[in-house]
Amino acid sequence: MKKIHTRRKRKYRLSAHINPYYFFHPNLKNRKRPKTFKTEEAANFWALNHGLKPGEYYLQKVKKNKKFQIVVYNGQNKNNTNKKNNP
């Protein structure tokens, strides 16, 4: 990538010694990661508040078996797909 002119760096308040490649490519720095929880209770509480019933998801151990991630059966929430397909 071409270097950015000093005036541009001043305009966007960028550091002079750091390559601002990630500043101009927001998709690289704003990647969405799966949500993880420290306890099973916290994961189940979050799922309940977001409309997931206990039979629609399961908890998977991630991050060296220290955290839990909610995984929905069939990769998606059945209620949301029904609403999208049948308005």
N, C-alpha and C. Protein backbone atom coordinates (compact mmCIF):
# COMPACT_ATOMS: atom_id res chain seq x y z
N MET A 1 0.84 -1.17 0.00
CA MET A 1 0.00 0.00 0.00
C MET A 1 0.89 1.24 0.00
N LYS A 2 0.43 2.25 -0.73
CA LYS A 2 1.18 3.50 -0.79
C LYS A 2 1.21 4.18 0.57
N LYS A 3 2.26 4.91 0.81
CA LYS A 3 2.35 5.67 2.04
C LYS A 3 1.38 6.85 1.97
N ILE A 4 0.91 7.25 3.13
CA ILE A 4 -0.04 8.35 3.21
C ILE A 4 0.73 9.64 3.47
N HIS A 5 0.31 10.68 2.78
CA HIS A 5 0.98 11.96 2.90
C HIS A 5 0.80 12.52 4.32
N THR A 6 1.76 13.32 4.74
CA THR A 6 1.79 13.86 6.10
C THR A 6 0.54 14.68 6.40
N ARG A 7 0.04 15.43 5.43
CA ARG A 7 -1.15 16.24 5.68
C ARG A 7 -2.35 15.37 6.02
N ARG A 8 -2.46 14.23 5.33
CA ARG A 8 -3.54 13.30 5.62
C ARG A 8 -3.39 12.74 7.04
N LYS A 9 -2.19 12.40 7.42
CA LYS A 9 -1.96 11.88 8.76
C LYS A 9 -2.34 12.91 9.82
N ARG A 10 -2.02 14.17 9.57
CA ARG A 10 -2.39 15.21 10.52
C ARG A 10 -3.90 15.38 10.57
N LYS A 11 -4.54 15.30 9.41
CA LYS A 11 -5.99 15.46 9.36
C LYS A 11 -6.70 14.39 10.17
N TYR A 12 -6.26 13.14 10.05
CA TYR A 12 -6.88 12.03 10.76
C TYR A 12 -6.24 11.75 12.11
N ARG A 13 -5.28 12.60 12.51
CA ARG A 13 -4.58 12.46 13.79
C ARG A 13 -3.94 11.08 13.95
N LEU A 14 -3.22 10.67 12.93
CA LEU A 14 -2.54 9.38 12.94
C LEU A 14 -1.10 9.55 13.37
N SER A 15 -0.58 8.52 13.97
CA SER A 15 0.81 8.55 14.41
C SER A 15 1.72 8.55 13.18
N ALA A 16 2.82 9.26 13.25
CA ALA A 16 3.72 9.38 12.11
C ALA A 16 4.55 8.12 11.89
N HIS A 17 4.79 7.35 12.93
CA HIS A 17 5.69 6.20 12.81
C HIS A 17 4.97 4.86 12.69
N ILE A 18 3.62 4.85 12.71
CA ILE A 18 2.86 3.61 12.62
C ILE A 18 2.14 3.56 11.27
N ASN A 19 2.15 2.42 10.64
CA ASN A 19 1.46 2.25 9.36
C ASN A 19 -0.05 2.27 9.60
N PRO A 20 -0.77 3.22 9.02
CA PRO A 20 -2.21 3.35 9.29
C PRO A 20 -3.07 2.46 8.39
N TYR A 21 -2.55 1.31 7.98
CA TYR A 21 -3.28 0.43 7.06
C TYR A 21 -4.63 0.02 7.66
N TYR A 22 -4.67 -0.32 8.94
CA TYR A 22 -5.90 -0.78 9.57
C TYR A 22 -6.90 0.36 9.75
N PHE A 23 -6.43 1.59 9.82
CA PHE A 23 -7.34 2.72 9.94
C PHE A 23 -8.18 2.88 8.68
N PHE A 24 -7.60 2.63 7.52
CA PHE A 24 -8.31 2.80 6.27
C PHE A 24 -8.99 1.52 5.78
N HIS A 25 -8.89 0.46 6.53
CA HIS A 25 -9.56 -0.80 6.20
C HIS A 25 -10.35 -1.24 7.44
N PRO A 26 -11.52 -0.65 7.68
CA PRO A 26 -12.24 -0.92 8.93
C PRO A 26 -12.73 -2.36 9.06
N ASN A 27 -12.88 -3.08 7.95
CA ASN A 27 -13.35 -4.46 8.05
C ASN A 27 -12.32 -5.35 8.73
N LEU A 28 -11.06 -4.99 8.67
CA LEU A 28 -10.02 -5.82 9.28
C LEU A 28 -10.03 -5.70 10.80
N LYS A 29 -10.32 -4.53 11.33
CA LYS A 29 -10.23 -4.36 12.78
C LYS A 29 -11.57 -4.59 13.48
N ASN A 30 -12.67 -4.64 12.75
CA ASN A 30 -13.97 -4.79 13.37
C ASN A 30 -14.56 -6.17 13.14
N ARG A 31 -13.74 -7.17 13.19
CA ARG A 31 -14.24 -8.53 13.02
C ARG A 31 -15.07 -8.92 14.24
N LYS A 32 -16.19 -9.56 13.97
CA LYS A 32 -17.05 -10.02 15.05
C LYS A 32 -16.60 -11.40 15.50
N ARG A 33 -16.38 -11.55 16.75
CA ARG A 33 -15.97 -12.82 17.32
C ARG A 33 -17.14 -13.43 18.07
N PRO A 34 -17.14 -14.74 18.21
CA PRO A 34 -18.22 -15.36 18.97
C PRO A 34 -18.19 -14.93 20.43
N LYS A 35 -19.36 -14.74 20.99
CA LYS A 35 -19.46 -14.33 22.39
C LYS A 35 -19.17 -15.52 23.29
N THR A 36 -18.37 -15.29 24.31
CA THR A 36 -18.03 -16.35 25.26
C THR A 36 -18.41 -15.89 26.67
N PHE A 37 -18.60 -16.87 27.54
CA PHE A 37 -19.03 -16.60 28.91
C PHE A 37 -18.14 -17.37 29.88
N LYS A 38 -17.94 -16.80 31.07
CA LYS A 38 -17.08 -17.45 32.06
C LYS A 38 -17.78 -18.61 32.75
N THR A 39 -19.09 -18.53 32.90
CA THR A 39 -19.82 -19.59 33.59
C THR A 39 -20.99 -20.07 32.75
N GLU A 40 -21.45 -21.27 33.05
CA GLU A 40 -22.62 -21.81 32.36
C GLU A 40 -23.87 -21.01 32.69
N GLU A 41 -23.97 -20.55 33.92
CA GLU A 41 -25.14 -19.78 34.34
C GLU A 41 -25.24 -18.48 33.55
N ALA A 42 -24.12 -17.83 33.34
CA ALA A 42 -24.13 -16.57 32.58
C ALA A 42 -24.54 -16.82 31.12
N ALA A 43 -24.06 -17.91 30.55
CA ALA A 43 -24.41 -18.24 29.17
C ALA A 43 -25.89 -18.56 29.04
N ASN A 44 -26.41 -19.35 29.98
CA ASN A 44 -27.83 -19.69 29.94
C ASN A 44 -28.71 -18.47 30.17
N PHE A 45 -28.30 -17.57 31.04
CA PHE A 45 -29.05 -16.34 31.30
C PHE A 45 -29.09 -15.47 30.05
N TRP A 46 -27.95 -15.34 29.36
CA TRP A 46 -27.90 -14.54 28.14
C TRP A 46 -28.80 -15.13 27.07
N ALA A 47 -28.77 -16.46 26.92
CA ALA A 47 -29.60 -17.12 25.92
C ALA A 47 -31.08 -16.93 26.23
N LEU A 48 -31.44 -17.01 27.49
CA LEU A 48 -32.83 -16.82 27.89
C LEU A 48 -33.30 -15.41 27.57
N ASN A 49 -32.46 -14.42 27.83
CA ASN A 49 -32.81 -13.03 27.54
C ASN A 49 -32.89 -12.73 26.05
N HIS A 50 -32.23 -13.53 25.23
CA HIS A 50 -32.24 -13.31 23.79
C HIS A 50 -33.21 -14.25 23.06
N GLY A 51 -34.10 -14.88 23.80
CA GLY A 51 -35.17 -15.65 23.20
C GLY A 51 -34.80 -17.06 22.76
N LEU A 52 -33.72 -17.59 23.27
CA LEU A 52 -33.36 -18.97 22.94
C LEU A 52 -33.89 -19.91 24.02
N LYS A 53 -34.55 -20.94 23.60
CA LYS A 53 -35.06 -21.94 24.55
C LYS A 53 -33.98 -22.98 24.80
N PRO A 54 -34.03 -23.66 25.94
CA PRO A 54 -32.97 -24.64 26.28
C PRO A 54 -32.78 -25.73 25.24
N GLY A 55 -33.78 -26.10 24.49
CA GLY A 55 -33.64 -27.16 23.49
C GLY A 55 -33.07 -26.69 22.16
N GLU A 56 -32.89 -25.38 22.00
CA GLU A 56 -32.43 -24.84 20.72
C GLU A 56 -30.92 -24.64 20.65
N TYR A 57 -30.22 -24.76 21.75
CA TYR A 57 -28.78 -24.50 21.76
C TYR A 57 -28.09 -25.45 22.73
N TYR A 58 -26.78 -25.46 22.62
CA TYR A 58 -25.97 -26.18 23.60
C TYR A 58 -24.72 -25.36 23.86
N LEU A 59 -24.05 -25.65 24.97
CA LEU A 59 -22.85 -24.91 25.36
C LEU A 59 -21.61 -25.70 24.95
N GLN A 60 -20.68 -25.01 24.34
CA GLN A 60 -19.44 -25.63 23.90
C GLN A 60 -18.29 -25.00 24.67
N LYS A 61 -17.37 -25.83 25.16
CA LYS A 61 -16.21 -25.31 25.88
C LYS A 61 -15.19 -24.79 24.88
N VAL A 62 -14.71 -23.58 25.11
CA VAL A 62 -13.72 -22.95 24.23
C VAL A 62 -12.65 -22.29 25.08
N LYS A 63 -11.63 -21.81 24.43
CA LYS A 63 -10.51 -21.10 25.07
C LYS A 63 -9.90 -21.94 26.19
N LYS A 64 -9.39 -23.11 25.78
CA LYS A 64 -8.72 -24.03 26.71
C LYS A 64 -9.64 -24.50 27.82
N ASN A 65 -10.89 -24.74 27.46
CA ASN A 65 -11.92 -25.24 28.38
C ASN A 65 -12.16 -24.31 29.57
N LYS A 66 -11.90 -23.02 29.42
CA LYS A 66 -12.11 -22.08 30.51
C LYS A 66 -13.37 -21.23 30.31
N LYS A 67 -13.90 -21.21 29.09
CA LYS A 67 -15.09 -20.41 28.82
C LYS A 67 -16.09 -21.23 28.03
N PHE A 68 -17.30 -20.69 27.93
CA PHE A 68 -18.38 -21.37 27.23
C PHE A 68 -18.90 -20.50 26.10
N GLN A 69 -19.29 -21.15 25.00
CA GLN A 69 -19.84 -20.47 23.84
C GLN A 69 -21.19 -21.11 23.53
N ILE A 70 -22.17 -20.30 23.17
CA ILE A 70 -23.49 -20.80 22.81
C ILE A 70 -23.48 -21.18 21.35
N VAL A 71 -23.87 -22.42 21.06
CA VAL A 71 -23.96 -22.89 19.69
C VAL A 71 -25.41 -23.32 19.45
N VAL A 72 -26.03 -22.71 18.43
CA VAL A 72 -27.42 -23.01 18.11
C VAL A 72 -27.45 -24.22 17.19
N TYR A 73 -28.38 -25.13 17.44
CA TYR A 73 -28.52 -26.31 16.58
C TYR A 73 -28.83 -25.87 15.16
N ASN A 74 -28.31 -26.58 14.17
CA ASN A 74 -28.46 -26.28 12.74
C ASN A 74 -27.82 -24.95 12.35
N GLY A 75 -27.02 -24.38 13.22
CA GLY A 75 -26.28 -23.17 12.90
C GLY A 75 -27.09 -21.90 12.91
N GLN A 76 -28.38 -21.96 13.21
CA GLN A 76 -29.19 -20.76 13.24
C GLN A 76 -30.39 -20.98 14.15
N ASN A 77 -30.98 -19.88 14.54
CA ASN A 77 -32.15 -19.93 15.40
C ASN A 77 -33.38 -20.22 14.55
N LYS A 78 -34.12 -21.27 14.88
CA LYS A 78 -35.27 -21.65 14.07
C LYS A 78 -36.34 -20.57 14.07
N ASN A 79 -36.53 -19.88 15.19
CA ASN A 79 -37.56 -18.85 15.26
C ASN A 79 -37.25 -17.69 14.31
N ASN A 80 -36.01 -17.28 14.24
CA ASN A 80 -35.63 -16.17 13.37
C ASN A 80 -35.78 -16.54 11.90
N THR A 81 -35.43 -17.77 11.53
CA THR A 81 -35.53 -18.17 10.14
C THR A 81 -36.98 -18.25 9.71
N ASN A 82 -37.88 -18.70 10.59
CA ASN A 82 -39.29 -18.75 10.25
C ASN A 82 -39.85 -17.35 10.03
N LYS A 83 -39.42 -16.40 10.83
CA LYS A 83 -39.90 -15.03 10.68
C LYS A 83 -39.41 -14.42 9.37
N LYS A 84 -38.17 -14.74 8.97
CA LYS A 84 -37.63 -14.18 7.73
C LYS A 84 -38.30 -14.80 6.51
N ASN A 85 -38.56 -16.09 6.55
CA ASN A 85 -39.14 -16.77 5.39
C ASN A 85 -40.63 -16.53 5.28
N ASN A 86 -41.33 -16.41 6.38
CA ASN A 86 -42.78 -16.23 6.38
C ASN A 86 -43.14 -14.95 7.10
N PRO A 87 -43.15 -13.83 6.40
CA PRO A 87 -43.45 -12.55 7.10
C PRO A 87 -44.89 -12.44 7.53
